[in-house]
All heavy atoms as atom14 arrays in JSON, in Angstrom:
{
  "sequence": "CQAPGKEREFVAAINWRDSSTYYADSVKGRFTISRDSAKNTVYLQMN",
  "atom14_mask": [
    [1, 1, 1, 1, 1, 1, 0, 0, 0, 0, 0, 0, 0, 0],
    [1, 1, 1, 1, 1, 1, 1, 1, 1, 0, 0, 0, 0, 0],
    [1, 1, 1, 1, 1, 0, 0, 0, 0, 0, 0, 0, 0, 0],
    [1, 1, 1, 1, 1, 1, 1, 0, 0, 0, 0, 0, 0, 0],
    [1, 1, 1, 1, 0, 0, 0, 0, 0, 0, 0, 0, 0, 0],
    [1, 1, 1, 1, 1, 1, 1, 1, 1, 0, 0, 0, 0, 0],
    [1, 1, 1, 1, 1, 1, 1, 1, 1, 0, 0, 0, 0, 0],
    [1, 1, 1, 1, 1, 1, 1, 1, 1, 1, 1, 0, 0, 0],
    [1, 1, 1, 1, 1, 1, 1, 1, 1, 0, 0, 0, 0, 0],
    [1, 1, 1, 1, 1, 1, 1, 1, 1, 1, 1, 0, 0, 0],
    [1, 1, 1, 1, 1, 1, 1, 0, 0, 0, 0, 0, 0, 0],
    [1, 1, 1, 1, 1, 0, 0, 0, 0, 0, 0, 0, 0, 0],
    [1, 1, 1, 1, 1, 0, 0, 0, 0, 0, 0, 0, 0, 0],
    [1, 1, 1, 1, 1, 1, 1, 1, 0, 0, 0, 0, 0, 0],
    [1, 1, 1, 1, 1, 1, 1, 1, 0, 0, 0, 0, 0, 0],
    [1, 1, 1, 1, 1, 1, 1, 1, 1, 1, 1, 1, 1, 1],
    [1, 1, 1, 1, 1, 1, 1, 1, 1, 1, 1, 0, 0, 0],
    [1, 1, 1, 1, 1, 1, 1, 1, 0, 0, 0, 0, 0, 0],
    [1, 1, 1, 1, 1, 1, 0, 0, 0, 0, 0, 0, 0, 0],
    [1, 1, 1, 1, 1, 1, 0, 0, 0, 0, 0, 0, 0, 0],
    [1, 1, 1, 1, 1, 1, 1, 0, 0, 0, 0, 0, 0, 0],
    [1, 1, 1, 1, 1, 1, 1, 1, 1, 1, 1, 1, 0, 0],
    [1, 1, 1, 1, 1, 1, 1, 1, 1, 1, 1, 1, 0, 0],
    [1, 1, 1, 1, 1, 0, 0, 0, 0, 0, 0, 0, 0, 0],
    [1, 1, 1, 1, 1, 1, 1, 1, 0, 0, 0, 0, 0, 0],
    [1, 1, 1, 1, 1, 1, 0, 0, 0, 0, 0, 0, 0, 0],
    [1, 1, 1, 1, 1, 1, 1, 0, 0, 0, 0, 0, 0, 0],
    [1, 1, 1, 1, 1, 1, 1, 1, 1, 0, 0, 0, 0, 0],
    [1, 1, 1, 1, 0, 0, 0, 0, 0, 0, 0, 0, 0, 0],
    [1, 1, 1, 1, 1, 1, 1, 1, 1, 1, 1, 0, 0, 0],
    [1, 1, 1, 1, 1, 1, 1, 1, 1, 1, 1, 0, 0, 0],
    [1, 1, 1, 1, 1, 1, 1, 0, 0, 0, 0, 0, 0, 0],
    [1, 1, 1, 1, 1, 1, 1, 1, 0, 0, 0, 0, 0, 0],
    [1, 1, 1, 1, 1, 1, 0, 0, 0, 0, 0, 0, 0, 0],
    [1, 1, 1, 1, 1, 1, 1, 1, 1, 1, 1, 0, 0, 0],
    [1, 1, 1, 1, 1, 1, 1, 1, 0, 0, 0, 0, 0, 0],
    [1, 1, 1, 1, 1, 1, 0, 0, 0, 0, 0, 0, 0, 0],
    [1, 1, 1, 1, 1, 0, 0, 0, 0, 0, 0, 0, 0, 0],
    [1, 1, 1, 1, 1, 1, 1, 1, 1, 0, 0, 0, 0, 0],
    [1, 1, 1, 1, 1, 1, 1, 1, 0, 0, 0, 0, 0, 0],
    [1, 1, 1, 1, 1, 1, 1, 0, 0, 0, 0, 0, 0, 0],
    [1, 1, 1, 1, 1, 1, 1, 0, 0, 0, 0, 0, 0, 0],
    [1, 1, 1, 1, 1, 1, 1, 1, 1, 1, 1, 1, 0, 0],
    [1, 1, 1, 1, 1, 1, 1, 1, 0, 0, 0, 0, 0, 0],
    [1, 1, 1, 1, 1, 1, 1, 1, 1, 0, 0, 0, 0, 0],
    [1, 1, 1, 1, 1, 1, 1, 1, 0, 0, 0, 0, 0, 0],
    [1, 1, 1, 1, 1, 1, 1, 1, 0, 0, 0, 0, 0, 0]
  ],
  "atom14_positions": [
    [[-45.25, -51.91, 169.47], [-45.82, -51.03, 170.46], [-46.94, -50.19, 169.81], [-46.95, -50.02, 168.58], [-44.79, -50.1, 171.08], [-44.1, -48.86, 169.99], [0.0, 0.0, 0.0], [0.0, 0.0, 0.0], [0.0, 0.0, 0.0], [0.0, 0.0, 0.0], [0.0, 0.0, 0.0], [0.0, 0.0, 0.0], [0.0, 0.0, 0.0], [0.0, 0.0, 0.0]],
    [[-47.87, -49.79, 170.65], [-48.98, -48.99, 170.17], [-49.35, -47.93, 171.2], [-49.74, -48.25, 172.31], [-50.21, -49.84, 169.86], [-51.36, -49.11, 169.19], [-52.42, -50.02, 168.63], [-52.53, -51.19, 169.04], [-53.19, -49.55, 167.71], [0.0, 0.0, 0.0], [0.0, 0.0, 0.0], [0.0, 0.0, 0.0], [0.0, 0.0, 0.0], [0.0, 0.0, 0.0]],
    [[-49.19, -46.69, 170.8], [-49.53, -45.53, 171.65], [-50.98, -45.15, 171.36], [-51.48, -45.45, 170.24], [-48.58, -44.37, 171.38], [0.0, 0.0, 0.0], [0.0, 0.0, 0.0], [0.0, 0.0, 0.0], [0.0, 0.0, 0.0], [0.0, 0.0, 0.0], [0.0, 0.0, 0.0], [0.0, 0.0, 0.0], [0.0, 0.0, 0.0], [0.0, 0.0, 0.0]],
    [[-51.66, -44.49, 172.29], [-53.05, -44.1, 172.03], [-53.18, -43.26, 170.8], [-52.42, -42.31, 170.57], [-53.37, -43.27, 173.29], [-52.46, -43.81, 174.36], [-51.17, -44.16, 173.62], [0.0, 0.0, 0.0], [0.0, 0.0, 0.0], [0.0, 0.0, 0.0], [0.0, 0.0, 0.0], [0.0, 0.0, 0.0], [0.0, 0.0, 0.0], [0.0, 0.0, 0.0]],
    [[-54.15, -43.64, 169.95], [-54.42, -42.88, 168.72], [-53.43, -43.15, 167.57], [-53.54, -42.53, 166.51], [0.0, 0.0, 0.0], [0.0, 0.0, 0.0], [0.0, 0.0, 0.0], [0.0, 0.0, 0.0], [0.0, 0.0, 0.0], [0.0, 0.0, 0.0], [0.0, 0.0, 0.0], [0.0, 0.0, 0.0], [0.0, 0.0, 0.0], [0.0, 0.0, 0.0]],
    [[-52.53, -44.06, 167.8], [-51.53, -44.38, 166.77], [-51.6, -45.84, 166.32], [-52.15, -46.68, 167.03], [-50.08, -44.06, 167.3], [-49.84, -42.61, 167.54], [-48.41, -42.35, 167.89], [-48.11, -40.9, 168.11], [-46.7, -40.66, 168.41], [0.0, 0.0, 0.0], [0.0, 0.0, 0.0], [0.0, 0.0, 0.0], [0.0, 0.0, 0.0], [0.0, 0.0, 0.0]],
    [[-51.05, -46.12, 165.17], [-51.0, -47.49, 164.7], [-49.9, -48.27, 165.42], [-48.99, -47.74, 165.99], [-50.69, -47.52, 163.18], [-51.79, -46.92, 162.34], [-51.52, -47.04, 160.85], [-50.43, -47.53, 160.51], [-52.42, -46.72, 160.07], [0.0, 0.0, 0.0], [0.0, 0.0, 0.0], [0.0, 0.0, 0.0], [0.0, 0.0, 0.0], [0.0, 0.0, 0.0]],
    [[-50.1, -49.65, 165.44], [-49.11, -50.49, 166.02], [-47.84, -50.4, 165.23], [-47.83, -50.44, 163.98], [-49.64, -51.91, 166.05], [-48.82, -52.87, 166.9], [-49.56, -54.16, 167.12], [-50.75, -53.91, 167.95], [-51.52, -54.93, 168.42], [-51.21, -56.16, 168.14], [-52.59, -54.66, 169.14], [0.0, 0.0, 0.0], [0.0, 0.0, 0.0], [0.0, 0.0, 0.0]],
    [[-46.7, -50.27, 165.92], [-45.39, -50.09, 165.25], [-44.41, -51.2, 165.64], [-44.4, -51.67, 166.79], [-44.77, -48.74, 165.66], [-45.56, -47.54, 165.23], [-44.9, -46.23, 165.65], [-43.96, -46.31, 166.5], [-45.28, -45.17, 165.18], [0.0, 0.0, 0.0], [0.0, 0.0, 0.0], [0.0, 0.0, 0.0], [0.0, 0.0, 0.0], [0.0, 0.0, 0.0]],
    [[-43.59, -51.57, 164.7], [-42.54, -52.53, 164.96], [-41.47, -51.91, 165.86], [-41.09, -50.77, 165.73], [-41.89, -52.95, 163.62], [-40.62, -53.75, 163.73], [-40.73, -55.11, 164.04], [-39.39, -53.19, 163.59], [-39.56, -55.87, 164.15], [-38.25, -53.92, 163.7], [-38.32, -55.28, 163.95], [0.0, 0.0, 0.0], [0.0, 0.0, 0.0], [0.0, 0.0, 0.0]],
    [[-40.98, -52.75, 166.81], [-39.9, -52.3, 167.73], [-38.65, -53.12, 167.5], [-37.58, -52.55, 167.23], [-40.34, -52.43, 169.2], [-39.17, -52.05, 170.13], [-41.55, -51.55, 169.46], [0.0, 0.0, 0.0], [0.0, 0.0, 0.0], [0.0, 0.0, 0.0], [0.0, 0.0, 0.0], [0.0, 0.0, 0.0], [0.0, 0.0, 0.0], [0.0, 0.0, 0.0]],
    [[-38.77, -54.44, 167.59], [-37.59, -55.31, 167.46], [-38.01, -56.71, 167.18], [-39.15, -57.08, 167.5], [-36.73, -55.24, 168.72], [0.0, 0.0, 0.0], [0.0, 0.0, 0.0], [0.0, 0.0, 0.0], [0.0, 0.0, 0.0], [0.0, 0.0, 0.0], [0.0, 0.0, 0.0], [0.0, 0.0, 0.0], [0.0, 0.0, 0.0], [0.0, 0.0, 0.0]],
    [[-37.13, -57.5, 166.56], [-37.42, -58.9, 166.26], [-36.18, -59.74, 166.44], [-35.04, -59.25, 166.26], [-38.02, -59.07, 164.84], [0.0, 0.0, 0.0], [0.0, 0.0, 0.0], [0.0, 0.0, 0.0], [0.0, 0.0, 0.0], [0.0, 0.0, 0.0], [0.0, 0.0, 0.0], [0.0, 0.0, 0.0], [0.0, 0.0, 0.0], [0.0, 0.0, 0.0]],
    [[-36.38, -61.03, 166.73], [-35.29, -61.96, 166.83], [-35.73, -63.28, 166.19], [-36.82, -63.72, 166.39], [-34.88, -62.21, 168.32], [-33.67, -63.07, 168.4], [-36.05, -62.75, 169.13], [-33.02, -63.07, 169.81], [0.0, 0.0, 0.0], [0.0, 0.0, 0.0], [0.0, 0.0, 0.0], [0.0, 0.0, 0.0], [0.0, 0.0, 0.0], [0.0, 0.0, 0.0]],
    [[-34.81, -63.83, 165.39], [-35.06, -65.14, 164.77], [-34.47, -66.21, 165.68], [-33.29, -66.18, 166.0], [-34.44, -65.21, 163.4], [-35.28, -64.52, 162.38], [-36.48, -64.73, 162.26], [-34.65, -63.62, 161.61], [0.0, 0.0, 0.0], [0.0, 0.0, 0.0], [0.0, 0.0, 0.0], [0.0, 0.0, 0.0], [0.0, 0.0, 0.0], [0.0, 0.0, 0.0]],
    [[-35.32, -67.16, 166.08], [-34.94, -68.17, 167.03], [-33.8, -69.04, 166.49], [-32.92, -69.48, 167.21], [-36.13, -69.02, 167.41], [-36.01, -69.62, 168.76], [-35.65, -70.89, 169.1], [-36.28, -68.98, 169.98], [-35.64, -71.07, 170.44], [-36.04, -69.89, 170.99], [-36.7, -67.68, 170.31], [-36.23, -69.6, 172.36], [-36.84, -67.37, 171.65], [-36.64, -68.31, 172.66]],
    [[-33.82, -69.28, 165.16], [-32.9, -70.22, 164.55], [-31.44, -69.75, 164.65], [-30.55, -70.55, 165.02], [-33.25, -70.45, 163.09], [-32.53, -71.58, 162.4], [-33.03, -71.76, 161.0], [-32.61, -70.67, 160.09], [-33.04, -70.52, 158.88], [-33.98, -71.34, 158.41], [-32.63, -69.54, 158.11], [0.0, 0.0, 0.0], [0.0, 0.0, 0.0], [0.0, 0.0, 0.0]],
    [[-31.2, -68.46, 164.4], [-29.82, -68.03, 164.37], [-29.54, -66.79, 165.25], [-28.46, -66.19, 165.25], [-29.36, -67.67, 162.93], [-30.25, -66.6, 162.32], [-31.04, -65.99, 162.99], [-30.11, -66.39, 161.09], [0.0, 0.0, 0.0], [0.0, 0.0, 0.0], [0.0, 0.0, 0.0], [0.0, 0.0, 0.0], [0.0, 0.0, 0.0], [0.0, 0.0, 0.0]],
    [[-30.57, -66.4, 166.03], [-30.5, -65.25, 166.97], [-30.2, -63.95, 166.26], [-29.75, -62.98, 166.93], [-29.44, -65.5, 168.06], [-29.77, -66.57, 168.88], [0.0, 0.0, 0.0], [0.0, 0.0, 0.0], [0.0, 0.0, 0.0], [0.0, 0.0, 0.0], [0.0, 0.0, 0.0], [0.0, 0.0, 0.0], [0.0, 0.0, 0.0], [0.0, 0.0, 0.0]],
    [[-30.45, -63.83, 164.99], [-30.32, -62.56, 164.3], [-31.38, -61.58, 164.84], [-32.51, -61.98, 165.12], [-30.46, -62.71, 162.8], [-31.67, -63.35, 162.47], [0.0, 0.0, 0.0], [0.0, 0.0, 0.0], [0.0, 0.0, 0.0], [0.0, 0.0, 0.0], [0.0, 0.0, 0.0], [0.0, 0.0, 0.0], [0.0, 0.0, 0.0], [0.0, 0.0, 0.0]],
    [[-30.98, -60.33, 164.95], [-31.87, -59.35, 165.59], [-32.08, -58.15, 164.65], [-31.18, -57.84, 163.84], [-31.34, -58.85, 166.95], [-30.01, -58.31, 166.75], [-31.26, -60.0, 167.98], [0.0, 0.0, 0.0], [0.0, 0.0, 0.0], [0.0, 0.0, 0.0], [0.0, 0.0, 0.0], [0.0, 0.0, 0.0], [0.0, 0.0, 0.0], [0.0, 0.0, 0.0]],
    [[-33.19, -57.5, 164.8], [-33.57, -56.36, 164.0], [-34.25, -55.33, 164.87], [-35.01, -55.71, 165.78], [-34.52, -56.79, 162.84], [-33.95, -57.89, 161.99], [-34.1, -59.22, 162.38], [-33.24, -57.62, 160.84], [-33.59, -60.26, 161.62], [-32.68, -58.66, 160.06], [-32.87, -59.96, 160.47], [-32.35, -60.97, 159.73], [0.0, 0.0, 0.0], [0.0, 0.0, 0.0]],
    [[-34.01, -54.02, 164.55], [-34.58, -52.99, 165.39], [-35.17, -51.86, 164.53], [-34.67, -51.56, 163.45], [-33.48, -52.39, 166.28], [-32.9, -53.38, 167.26], [-31.76, -54.12, 166.96], [-33.5, -53.56, 168.52], [-31.27, -55.04, 167.88], [-32.99, -54.49, 169.43], [-31.87, -55.19, 169.08], [-31.36, -56.08, 169.98], [0.0, 0.0, 0.0], [0.0, 0.0, 0.0]],
    [[-36.16, -51.22, 165.07], [-36.62, -49.98, 164.49], [-35.55, -48.91, 164.73], [-34.83, -48.93, 165.74], [-37.97, -49.58, 165.15], [0.0, 0.0, 0.0], [0.0, 0.0, 0.0], [0.0, 0.0, 0.0], [0.0, 0.0, 0.0], [0.0, 0.0, 0.0], [0.0, 0.0, 0.0], [0.0, 0.0, 0.0], [0.0, 0.0, 0.0], [0.0, 0.0, 0.0]],
    [[-35.41, -47.98, 163.82], [-34.43, -46.92, 163.96], [-34.6, -46.16, 165.24], [-33.6, -45.72, 165.84], [-34.5, -45.98, 162.76], [-34.0, -46.59, 161.45], [-33.28, -47.64, 161.55], [-34.29, -46.05, 160.39], [0.0, 0.0, 0.0], [0.0, 0.0, 0.0], [0.0, 0.0, 0.0], [0.0, 0.0, 0.0], [0.0, 0.0, 0.0], [0.0, 0.0, 0.0]],
    [[-35.82, -45.98, 165.72], [-36.08, -45.15, 166.88], [-35.53, -45.79, 168.19], [-35.37, -45.09, 169.17], [-37.56, -44.92, 167.01], [-38.27, -46.16, 167.14], [0.0, 0.0, 0.0], [0.0, 0.0, 0.0], [0.0, 0.0, 0.0], [0.0, 0.0, 0.0], [0.0, 0.0, 0.0], [0.0, 0.0, 0.0], [0.0, 0.0, 0.0], [0.0, 0.0, 0.0]],
    [[-35.27, -47.09, 168.18], [-34.84, -47.73, 169.39], [-33.41, -48.31, 169.28], [-32.84, -48.79, 170.26], [-35.78, -48.87, 169.82], [-37.19, -48.35, 169.91], [-35.73, -50.07, 168.88], [0.0, 0.0, 0.0], [0.0, 0.0, 0.0], [0.0, 0.0, 0.0], [0.0, 0.0, 0.0], [0.0, 0.0, 0.0], [0.0, 0.0, 0.0], [0.0, 0.0, 0.0]],
    [[-32.83, -48.25, 168.09], [-31.53, -48.84, 167.86], [-30.52, -48.15, 168.79], [-30.41, -46.93, 168.9], [-31.14, -48.62, 166.39], [-30.11, -49.6, 165.87], [-29.93, -49.45, 164.36], [-31.18, -49.93, 163.62], [-31.01, -49.9, 162.18], [0.0, 0.0, 0.0], [0.0, 0.0, 0.0], [0.0, 0.0, 0.0], [0.0, 0.0, 0.0], [0.0, 0.0, 0.0]],
    [[-29.71, -48.98, 169.5], [-28.74, -48.46, 170.43], [-29.28, -48.26, 171.8], [-28.5, -48.07, 172.77], [0.0, 0.0, 0.0], [0.0, 0.0, 0.0], [0.0, 0.0, 0.0], [0.0, 0.0, 0.0], [0.0, 0.0, 0.0], [0.0, 0.0, 0.0], [0.0, 0.0, 0.0], [0.0, 0.0, 0.0], [0.0, 0.0, 0.0], [0.0, 0.0, 0.0]],
    [[-30.63, -48.28, 171.98], [-31.23, -48.15, 173.3], [-31.91, -49.43, 173.81], [-31.88, -49.74, 174.98], [-32.28, -47.01, 173.26], [-31.69, -45.67, 172.9], [-32.77, -44.58, 173.16], [-33.97, -44.77, 172.36], [-35.18, -44.88, 172.86], [-35.39, -44.85, 174.19], [-36.23, -45.03, 172.08], [0.0, 0.0, 0.0], [0.0, 0.0, 0.0], [0.0, 0.0, 0.0]],
    [[-32.51, -50.17, 172.89], [-33.21, -51.39, 173.24], [-32.44, -52.62, 172.73], [-31.74, -52.52, 171.72], [-34.59, -51.4, 172.55], [-35.57, -50.41, 173.1], [-35.22, -49.4, 173.97], [-36.94, -50.49, 172.74], [-36.14, -48.48, 174.46], [-37.84, -49.59, 173.18], [-37.47, -48.6, 174.06], [0.0, 0.0, 0.0], [0.0, 0.0, 0.0], [0.0, 0.0, 0.0]],
    [[-32.59, -53.71, 173.47], [-31.94, -54.96, 173.11], [-32.96, -56.09, 173.25], [-33.53, -56.26, 174.32], [-30.71, -55.25, 173.99], [-29.79, -54.21, 173.9], [-30.04, -56.54, 173.55], [0.0, 0.0, 0.0], [0.0, 0.0, 0.0], [0.0, 0.0, 0.0], [0.0, 0.0, 0.0], [0.0, 0.0, 0.0], [0.0, 0.0, 0.0], [0.0, 0.0, 0.0]],
    [[-33.14, -56.84, 172.16], [-33.98, -58.02, 172.22], [-33.1, -59.26, 172.36], [-32.01, -59.34, 171.78], [-34.88, -58.14, 170.94], [-35.9, -59.27, 171.11], [-34.04, -58.33, 169.7], [-36.98, -59.25, 170.0], [0.0, 0.0, 0.0], [0.0, 0.0, 0.0], [0.0, 0.0, 0.0], [0.0, 0.0, 0.0], [0.0, 0.0, 0.0], [0.0, 0.0, 0.0]],
    [[-33.51, -60.16, 173.22], [-32.72, -61.38, 173.44], [-33.66, -62.56, 173.77], [-34.87, -62.37, 173.94], [-31.72, -61.14, 174.58], [-32.44, -60.85, 175.78], [0.0, 0.0, 0.0], [0.0, 0.0, 0.0], [0.0, 0.0, 0.0], [0.0, 0.0, 0.0], [0.0, 0.0, 0.0], [0.0, 0.0, 0.0], [0.0, 0.0, 0.0], [0.0, 0.0, 0.0]],
    [[-33.06, -63.75, 173.84], [-33.89, -64.93, 174.1], [-33.18, -65.82, 175.1], [-31.95, -65.85, 175.24], [-34.21, -65.66, 172.82], [-32.98, -66.28, 172.16], [-33.39, -67.07, 170.95], [-32.28, -67.62, 170.17], [-31.75, -68.83, 170.38], [-32.21, -69.57, 171.32], [-30.76, -69.19, 169.61], [0.0, 0.0, 0.0], [0.0, 0.0, 0.0], [0.0, 0.0, 0.0]],
    [[-33.99, -66.65, 175.8], [-33.53, -67.69, 176.7], [-34.22, -68.94, 176.26], [-35.39, -69.16, 176.54], [-33.85, -67.31, 178.15], [-33.24, -68.34, 179.16], [-33.21, -69.5, 178.81], [-32.89, -67.91, 180.25], [0.0, 0.0, 0.0], [0.0, 0.0, 0.0], [0.0, 0.0, 0.0], [0.0, 0.0, 0.0], [0.0, 0.0, 0.0], [0.0, 0.0, 0.0]],
    [[-33.46, -69.81, 175.62], [-34.06, -71.06, 175.06], [-34.57, -71.95, 176.18], [-35.67, -72.55, 176.02], [-33.03, -71.84, 174.22], [-32.59, -71.06, 173.17], [0.0, 0.0, 0.0], [0.0, 0.0, 0.0], [0.0, 0.0, 0.0], [0.0, 0.0, 0.0], [0.0, 0.0, 0.0], [0.0, 0.0, 0.0], [0.0, 0.0, 0.0], [0.0, 0.0, 0.0]],
    [[-33.86, -72.06, 177.27], [-34.29, -72.91, 178.34], [-35.59, -72.52, 178.93], [-36.4, -73.32, 179.37], [-33.21, -72.98, 179.43], [0.0, 0.0, 0.0], [0.0, 0.0, 0.0], [0.0, 0.0, 0.0], [0.0, 0.0, 0.0], [0.0, 0.0, 0.0], [0.0, 0.0, 0.0], [0.0, 0.0, 0.0], [0.0, 0.0, 0.0], [0.0, 0.0, 0.0]],
    [[-35.84, -71.19, 178.97], [-37.09, -70.67, 179.55], [-38.16, -70.39, 178.49], [-39.25, -69.97, 178.83], [-36.77, -69.38, 180.31], [-35.87, -69.61, 181.55], [-35.68, -68.33, 182.31], [-34.79, -68.56, 183.57], [-34.58, -67.32, 184.3], [0.0, 0.0, 0.0], [0.0, 0.0, 0.0], [0.0, 0.0, 0.0], [0.0, 0.0, 0.0], [0.0, 0.0, 0.0]],
    [[-37.79, -70.59, 177.2], [-38.72, -70.31, 176.11], [-39.28, -68.88, 176.26], [-40.51, -68.63, 176.16], [-39.86, -71.32, 176.12], [-40.32, -71.63, 174.72], [-39.58, -71.55, 173.75], [-41.61, -71.98, 174.64], [0.0, 0.0, 0.0], [0.0, 0.0, 0.0], [0.0, 0.0, 0.0], [0.0, 0.0, 0.0], [0.0, 0.0, 0.0], [0.0, 0.0, 0.0]],
    [[-38.39, -67.94, 176.46], [-38.77, -66.56, 176.78], [-37.91, -65.63, 175.93], [-36.75, -65.83, 175.71], [-38.56, -66.28, 178.28], [-39.42, -67.14, 179.02], [-38.9, -64.87, 178.63], [0.0, 0.0, 0.0], [0.0, 0.0, 0.0], [0.0, 0.0, 0.0], [0.0, 0.0, 0.0], [0.0, 0.0, 0.0], [0.0, 0.0, 0.0], [0.0, 0.0, 0.0]],
    [[-38.58, -64.56, 175.5], [-37.88, -63.45, 174.79], [-37.96, -62.21, 175.67], [-39.0, -61.97, 176.3], [-38.52, -63.21, 173.43], [-37.99, -61.94, 172.79], [-38.31, -64.41, 172.54], [0.0, 0.0, 0.0], [0.0, 0.0, 0.0], [0.0, 0.0, 0.0], [0.0, 0.0, 0.0], [0.0, 0.0, 0.0], [0.0, 0.0, 0.0], [0.0, 0.0, 0.0]],
    [[-36.9, -61.44, 175.66], [-36.82, -60.24, 176.48], [-36.65, -59.0, 175.65], [-36.13, -59.04, 174.5], [-35.65, -60.31, 177.45], [-35.68, -61.52, 178.35], [-34.92, -62.67, 178.07], [-36.45, -61.54, 179.5], [-34.98, -63.8, 178.86], [-36.5, -62.68, 180.32], [-35.75, -63.79, 180.02], [-35.81, -64.87, 180.8], [0.0, 0.0, 0.0], [0.0, 0.0, 0.0]],
    [[-37.05, -57.85, 176.19], [-36.77, -56.57, 175.57], [-36.24, -55.66, 176.66], [-36.99, -55.2, 177.5], [-38.04, -55.95, 174.9], [-37.77, -54.66, 174.17], [-36.95, -54.92, 172.9], [-39.09, -53.95, 173.81], [0.0, 0.0, 0.0], [0.0, 0.0, 0.0], [0.0, 0.0, 0.0], [0.0, 0.0, 0.0], [0.0, 0.0, 0.0], [0.0, 0.0, 0.0]],
    [[-34.94, -55.43, 176.64], [-34.3, -54.49, 177.57], [-34.37, -53.1, 176.96], [-33.88, -52.84, 175.87], [-32.84, -54.89, 177.79], [-32.1, -53.94, 178.7], [-32.56, -53.99, 180.12], [-32.75, -55.03, 180.71], [-32.81, -52.81, 180.71], [0.0, 0.0, 0.0], [0.0, 0.0, 0.0], [0.0, 0.0, 0.0], [0.0, 0.0, 0.0], [0.0, 0.0, 0.0]],
    [[-35.01, -52.19, 177.7], [-35.24, -50.82, 177.25], [-34.45, -49.85, 178.11], [-34.72, -49.74, 179.33], [-36.71, -50.5, 177.25], [-37.55, -51.47, 176.44], [-39.32, -51.02, 176.39], [-39.77, -51.25, 178.1], [0.0, 0.0, 0.0], [0.0, 0.0, 0.0], [0.0, 0.0, 0.0], [0.0, 0.0, 0.0], [0.0, 0.0, 0.0], [0.0, 0.0, 0.0]],
    [[-33.47, -49.2, 177.52], [-32.64, -48.24, 178.25], [-32.82, -46.84, 177.71], [-33.38, -46.63, 176.6], [-31.17, -48.64, 178.18], [-30.86, -49.97, 178.77], [-31.52, -50.41, 179.71], [-29.87, -50.68, 178.22], [0.0, 0.0, 0.0], [0.0, 0.0, 0.0], [0.0, 0.0, 0.0], [0.0, 0.0, 0.0], [0.0, 0.0, 0.0], [0.0, 0.0, 0.0]]
  ]
}
């Protein structure tokens, strides 16, 4: 993500091979990254 006047920051990542996920501390517990192989799509659920 990138807010006005700020540098681009990491939010979350997912490895397609084993579905391992990683999060920035600021979003851990609130955001969820997931994938749908059939749709070739990655999602970011933000709560």
